[in-house]
Protein backbone atom coordinates (compact mmCIF):
# COMPACT_ATOMS: atom_id res chain seq x y z
CA MET A 1 13.56 4.62 -10.65
CA LYS A 2 14.06 2.37 -13.64
CA ALA A 3 11.34 -0.24 -14.14
CA THR A 4 13.99 -2.96 -14.45
CA LEU A 5 14.93 -2.37 -10.81
CA ILE A 6 11.76 -4.20 -9.73
CA HIS A 7 13.53 -7.51 -10.43
CA LYS A 8 16.15 -6.65 -7.81
CA LEU A 9 13.75 -5.58 -5.07
CA CYS A 10 11.81 -7.72 -2.66
CA CYS A 11 9.62 -7.10 0.35
CA PRO A 12 11.95 -6.30 3.25
CA PHE A 13 9.70 -8.22 5.66
CA ASP A 14 8.98 -11.54 3.98
CA LYS A 15 11.35 -11.41 0.98
CA GLN A 16 8.54 -11.98 -1.53
CA ASP A 17 8.44 -10.44 -5.01
CA LEU A 18 6.81 -7.04 -5.25
CA LYS A 19 4.09 -5.92 -7.65
CA LEU A 20 4.76 -2.62 -9.44
CA THR A 21 2.02 -0.13 -10.27
CA ILE A 22 3.27 2.83 -12.28
CA ILE A 23 1.51 6.17 -11.77
CA THR A 24 3.76 8.55 -13.75
CA GLN A 25 6.89 8.19 -15.85
CA ASP A 26 9.27 10.64 -17.51
CA VAL A 27 10.14 10.72 -21.22
CA ASN A 28 12.90 8.12 -20.64
CA GLN A 29 10.38 5.70 -19.06
CA ASN A 30 11.85 6.19 -15.56
CA ILE A 31 9.22 5.81 -12.86
CA ILE A 32 8.54 9.12 -11.12
CA GLU A 33 5.54 8.00 -9.05
CA GLY A 34 4.29 4.52 -8.38
CA LEU A 35 3.52 1.88 -5.83
CA LEU A 36 5.30 -1.32 -4.90
CA SER A 37 3.07 -3.81 -3.09
CA CYS A 38 3.62 -7.21 -1.57
CA PRO A 39 0.81 -9.69 -2.31
CA ALA A 40 1.94 -11.96 0.54
CA CYS A 41 1.87 -9.54 3.49
CA ALA A 42 -0.22 -6.70 1.94
CA ARG A 43 2.40 -4.04 2.72
CA TYR A 44 2.89 -1.23 0.23
CA TYR A 45 5.75 1.08 -0.58
CA PRO A 46 5.19 4.32 -2.51
CA ILE A 47 7.65 5.55 -5.12
CA VAL A 48 7.96 9.33 -4.81
CA TYR A 49 10.22 11.44 -7.03
CA GLY A 50 11.66 8.19 -8.36
CA ILE A 51 12.65 6.88 -4.93
CA PRO A 52 10.99 3.77 -3.42
CA ILE A 53 10.14 4.46 0.23
CA MET A 54 10.71 1.09 1.91
CA ASN A 55 11.04 1.99 5.59
CA PRO A 56 10.08 -0.51 8.31
CA ASP A 57 6.54 -0.04 9.65
CA GLU A 58 7.69 1.57 12.88
CA TYR A 59 9.50 4.35 10.97
CA ARG A 60 6.77 5.14 8.46
CA GLU A 61 4.62 8.21 8.80
CA LYS A 62 1.27 7.15 7.39
CA GLN A 63 -0.18 10.66 7.79
CA LEU A 64 2.45 11.94 5.31
CA GLU A 65 1.66 9.14 2.86
CA ALA A 66 -2.13 9.62 3.05
CA PRO A 67 -2.35 12.66 0.69
CA ILE A 68 -0.22 10.88 -1.92
CA MET A 69 -2.28 7.71 -1.72
CA ALA A 70 -5.51 9.74 -1.94
CA ARG A 71 -4.20 11.49 -5.07
CA TRP A 72 -3.36 8.09 -6.61
CA ALA A 73 -6.66 6.42 -5.64
CA LYS A 74 -8.14 6.67 -9.13
CA GLN A 75 -5.07 5.13 -10.81
CA LEU A 76 -4.87 2.41 -8.15
CA GLY A 77 -8.58 1.65 -8.38
CA THR A 78 -9.07 2.18 -4.65
CA THR A 79 -11.05 4.48 -2.43
CA ASN A 80 -8.94 4.01 0.70
CA THR A 81 -5.27 3.99 1.59
CA PRO A 82 -3.85 0.44 1.64
CA GLU A 83 -3.27 -0.88 5.15
């Protein structure tokens, strides 16, 4: 995902701007892993293999996201998975 794409994305629930946290990038500065988060509703959307995962809550599988979020905890400055 290109970092400039963040200006075209919004939270699918409340249409607020998203905050981007970059975990890893390639040599061309494309985002490989990262996290999009909505300050208004506290939802988060991981970026995995360059693809933002922005499914509605009812279609998300939190147990599949948990290992990724645990691996990113140090970079995100958290000890738990965001709710």
